[in-house]
Amino acid sequence: MTTEADSQTTLGADAVDVAIANGIDFDGTPIPTAKLELYNSVMALEAGRQRSGVSNTMRSRIVRIGAKHIPQDELNQMLINADFAPLKDKEIAFYYGGK
């Protein structure tokens, strides 16, 4: 039986990061060392990458995550309303092309 506290550990943006830091998957099984090492090495590369600006990063995250939850036309209008650039053709093809 899953308790409310257990289900809360799998929710929210930080849930995966917490699980990775603990080396334990949501089902309680250990994450294999090889997977953790690969993940950590790639994330270290990303941590050292020069950023192009906060607004660009915000927009990228909005598009990447929003496309999972929001229809294309609605997300595009939301971006425009917030004074971000509208969806690019390559973003539409990548995030919405298969739907």
C-alpha atoms as a PDB file:
ATOM      1  CA  MET A   1       0.000   0.000   0.000  1.00  0.00           C
ATOM      2  CA  THR A   2       1.329   3.443  -0.949  1.00  0.00           C
ATOM      3  CA  THR A   3       1.124   6.135   1.668  1.00  0.00           C
ATOM      4  CA  GLU A   4       0.651   9.835   0.948  1.00  0.00           C
ATOM      5  CA  ALA A   5       4.260  10.470   1.988  1.00  0.00           C
ATOM      6  CA  ASP A   6       5.503   7.801  -0.444  1.00  0.00           C
ATOM      7  CA  SER A   7       3.517   9.224  -3.364  1.00  0.00           C
ATOM      8  CA  GLN A   8       4.814  12.739  -2.624  1.00  0.00           C
ATOM      9  CA  THR A   9       8.386  11.538  -3.180  1.00  0.00           C
ATOM     10  CA  THR A  10       7.575  10.871  -6.851  1.00  0.00           C
ATOM     11  CA  LEU A  11       5.995  14.259  -7.529  1.00  0.00           C
ATOM     12  CA  GLY A  12       7.386  17.616  -8.478  1.00  0.00           C
ATOM     13  CA  ALA A  13      10.343  18.842 -10.417  1.00  0.00           C
ATOM     14  CA  ASP A  14      12.896  17.822  -7.810  1.00  0.00           C
ATOM     15  CA  ALA A  15      11.693  14.241  -7.262  1.00  0.00           C
ATOM     16  CA  VAL A  16      13.984  12.700  -9.874  1.00  0.00           C
ATOM     17  CA  ASP A  17      16.984  14.709  -8.671  1.00  0.00           C
ATOM     18  CA  VAL A  18      16.410  13.548  -5.099  1.00  0.00           C
ATOM     19  CA  ALA A  19      16.091   9.919  -6.216  1.00  0.00           C
ATOM     20  CA  ILE A  20      19.285  10.163  -8.277  1.00  0.00           C
ATOM     21  CA  ALA A  21      21.189  11.785  -5.398  1.00  0.00           C
ATOM     22  CA  ASN A  22      20.034   8.948  -3.143  1.00  0.00           C
ATOM     23  CA  GLY A  23      20.793   6.316  -5.789  1.00  0.00           C
ATOM     24  CA  ILE A  24      17.349   4.799  -5.272  1.00  0.00           C
ATOM     25  CA  ASP A  25      14.573   4.545  -7.875  1.00  0.00           C
ATOM     26  CA  PHE A  26      10.959   5.393  -6.986  1.00  0.00           C
ATOM     27  CA  ASP A  27      10.175   1.699  -6.532  1.00  0.00           C
ATOM     28  CA  GLY A  28      12.911   1.424  -3.892  1.00  0.00           C
ATOM     29  CA  THR A  29      15.435  -0.449  -6.024  1.00  0.00           C
ATOM     30  CA  PRO A  30      19.018   0.794  -6.252  1.00  0.00           C
ATOM     31  CA  ILE A  31      19.973   2.612  -9.438  1.00  0.00           C
ATOM     32  CA  PRO A  32      22.842   0.658 -11.042  1.00  0.00           C
ATOM     33  CA  THR A  33      26.257   2.264 -10.546  1.00  0.00           C
ATOM     34  CA  ALA A  34      27.018   2.375 -14.286  1.00  0.00           C
ATOM     35  CA  LYS A  35      23.834   4.375 -14.921  1.00  0.00           C
ATOM     36  CA  LEU A  36      24.604   6.791 -12.089  1.00  0.00           C
ATOM     37  CA  GLU A  37      28.189   7.278 -13.262  1.00  0.00           C
ATOM     38  CA  LEU A  38      27.132   7.978 -16.845  1.00  0.00           C
ATOM     39  CA  TYR A  39      24.400  10.377 -15.718  1.00  0.00           C
ATOM     40  CA  ASN A  40      26.762  12.219 -13.384  1.00  0.00           C
ATOM     41  CA  SER A  41      29.487  12.549 -16.020  1.00  0.00           C
ATOM     42  CA  VAL A  42      27.054  13.980 -18.591  1.00  0.00           C
ATOM     43  CA  MET A  43      25.535  16.348 -16.011  1.00  0.00           C
ATOM     44  CA  ALA A  44      29.039  17.559 -15.112  1.00  0.00           C
ATOM     45  CA  LEU A  45      29.583  18.460 -18.765  1.00  0.00           C
ATOM     46  CA  GLU A  46      26.276  20.334 -18.807  1.00  0.00           C
ATOM     47  CA  ALA A  47      27.130  22.165 -15.582  1.00  0.00           C
ATOM     48  CA  GLY A  48      30.241  23.568 -17.248  1.00  0.00           C
ATOM     49  CA  ARG A  49      28.442  24.777 -20.377  1.00  0.00           C
ATOM     50  CA  GLN A  50      28.198  28.531 -20.960  1.00  0.00           C
ATOM     51  CA  ARG A  51      24.600  29.728 -20.705  1.00  0.00           C
ATOM     52  CA  SER A  52      23.006  32.093 -23.203  1.00  0.00           C
ATOM     53  CA  GLY A  53      20.838  33.879 -20.671  1.00  0.00           C
ATOM     54  CA  VAL A  54      18.108  33.278 -18.158  1.00  0.00           C
ATOM     55  CA  SER A  55      15.248  34.186 -20.504  1.00  0.00           C
ATOM     56  CA  ASN A  56      16.513  31.754 -23.144  1.00  0.00           C
ATOM     57  CA  THR A  57      16.799  28.999 -20.556  1.00  0.00           C
ATOM     58  CA  MET A  58      13.325  29.773 -19.209  1.00  0.00           C
ATOM     59  CA  ARG A  59      11.854  29.592 -22.710  1.00  0.00           C
ATOM     60  CA  SER A  60      13.626  26.315 -23.446  1.00  0.00           C
ATOM     61  CA  ARG A  61      12.276  24.761 -20.261  1.00  0.00           C
ATOM     62  CA  ILE A  62       8.778  26.083 -20.915  1.00  0.00           C
ATOM     63  CA  VAL A  63       8.777  24.569 -24.413  1.00  0.00           C
ATOM     64  CA  ARG A  64      10.360  21.251 -23.379  1.00  0.00           C
ATOM     65  CA  ILE A  65       8.035  20.676 -20.444  1.00  0.00           C
ATOM     66  CA  GLY A  66       4.994  22.557 -21.720  1.00  0.00           C
ATOM     67  CA  ALA A  67       4.855  20.440 -24.876  1.00  0.00           C
ATOM     68  CA  LYS A  68       4.161  17.398 -22.693  1.00  0.00           C
ATOM     69  CA  HIS A  69       1.106  19.014 -21.147  1.00  0.00           C
ATOM     70  CA  ILE A  70      -0.190  21.809 -23.385  1.00  0.00           C
ATOM     71  CA  PRO A  71      -1.538  21.652 -26.961  1.00  0.00           C
ATOM     72  CA  GLN A  72       0.712  23.274 -29.578  1.00  0.00           C
ATOM     73  CA  ASP A  73      -1.509  26.249 -30.438  1.00  0.00           C
ATOM     74  CA  GLU A  74      -2.150  27.006 -26.779  1.00  0.00           C
ATOM     75  CA  LEU A  75       1.532  26.816 -25.816  1.00  0.00           C
ATOM     76  CA  ASN A  76       2.468  28.991 -28.785  1.00  0.00           C
ATOM     77  CA  GLN A  77      -0.042  31.657 -27.758  1.00  0.00           C
ATOM     78  CA  MET A  78       1.126  31.497 -24.144  1.00  0.00           C
ATOM     79  CA  LEU A  79       4.719  32.109 -25.285  1.00  0.00           C
ATOM     80  CA  ILE A  80       3.653  35.083 -27.393  1.00  0.00           C
ATOM     81  CA  ASN A  81       1.525  36.516 -24.575  1.00  0.00           C
ATOM     82  CA  ALA A  82       4.526  36.336 -22.230  1.00  0.00           C
ATOM     83  CA  ASP A  83       6.726  38.114 -24.808  1.00  0.00           C
ATOM     84  CA  PHE A  84       8.776  35.035 -25.652  1.00  0.00           C
ATOM     85  CA  ALA A  85       9.479  33.983 -29.238  1.00  0.00           C
ATOM     86  CA  PRO A  86       6.763  31.724 -30.663  1.00  0.00           C
ATOM     87  CA  LEU A  87       7.419  28.039 -31.279  1.00  0.00           C
ATOM     88  CA  LYS A  88      10.015  27.420 -33.970  1.00  0.00           C
ATOM     89  CA  ASP A  89       9.349  24.970 -36.806  1.00  0.00           C
ATOM     90  CA  LYS A  90      12.016  22.591 -35.471  1.00  0.00           C
ATOM     91  CA  GLU A  91      10.423  22.654 -31.985  1.00  0.00           C
ATOM     92  CA  ILE A  92       6.996  21.933 -33.447  1.00  0.00           C
ATOM     93  CA  ALA A  93       8.412  19.038 -35.482  1.00  0.00           C
ATOM     94  CA  PHE A  94      10.307  17.623 -32.512  1.00  0.00           C
ATOM     95  CA  TYR A  95       7.720  18.017 -29.761  1.00  0.00           C
ATOM     96  CA  TYR A  96       4.479  17.792 -31.706  1.00  0.00           C
ATOM     97  CA  GLY A  97       5.393  16.010 -34.959  1.00  0.00           C
ATOM     98  CA  GLY A  98       4.623  12.530 -33.698  1.00  0.00           C
ATOM     99  CA  LYS A  99       1.294  13.428 -32.104  1.00  0.00           C
END
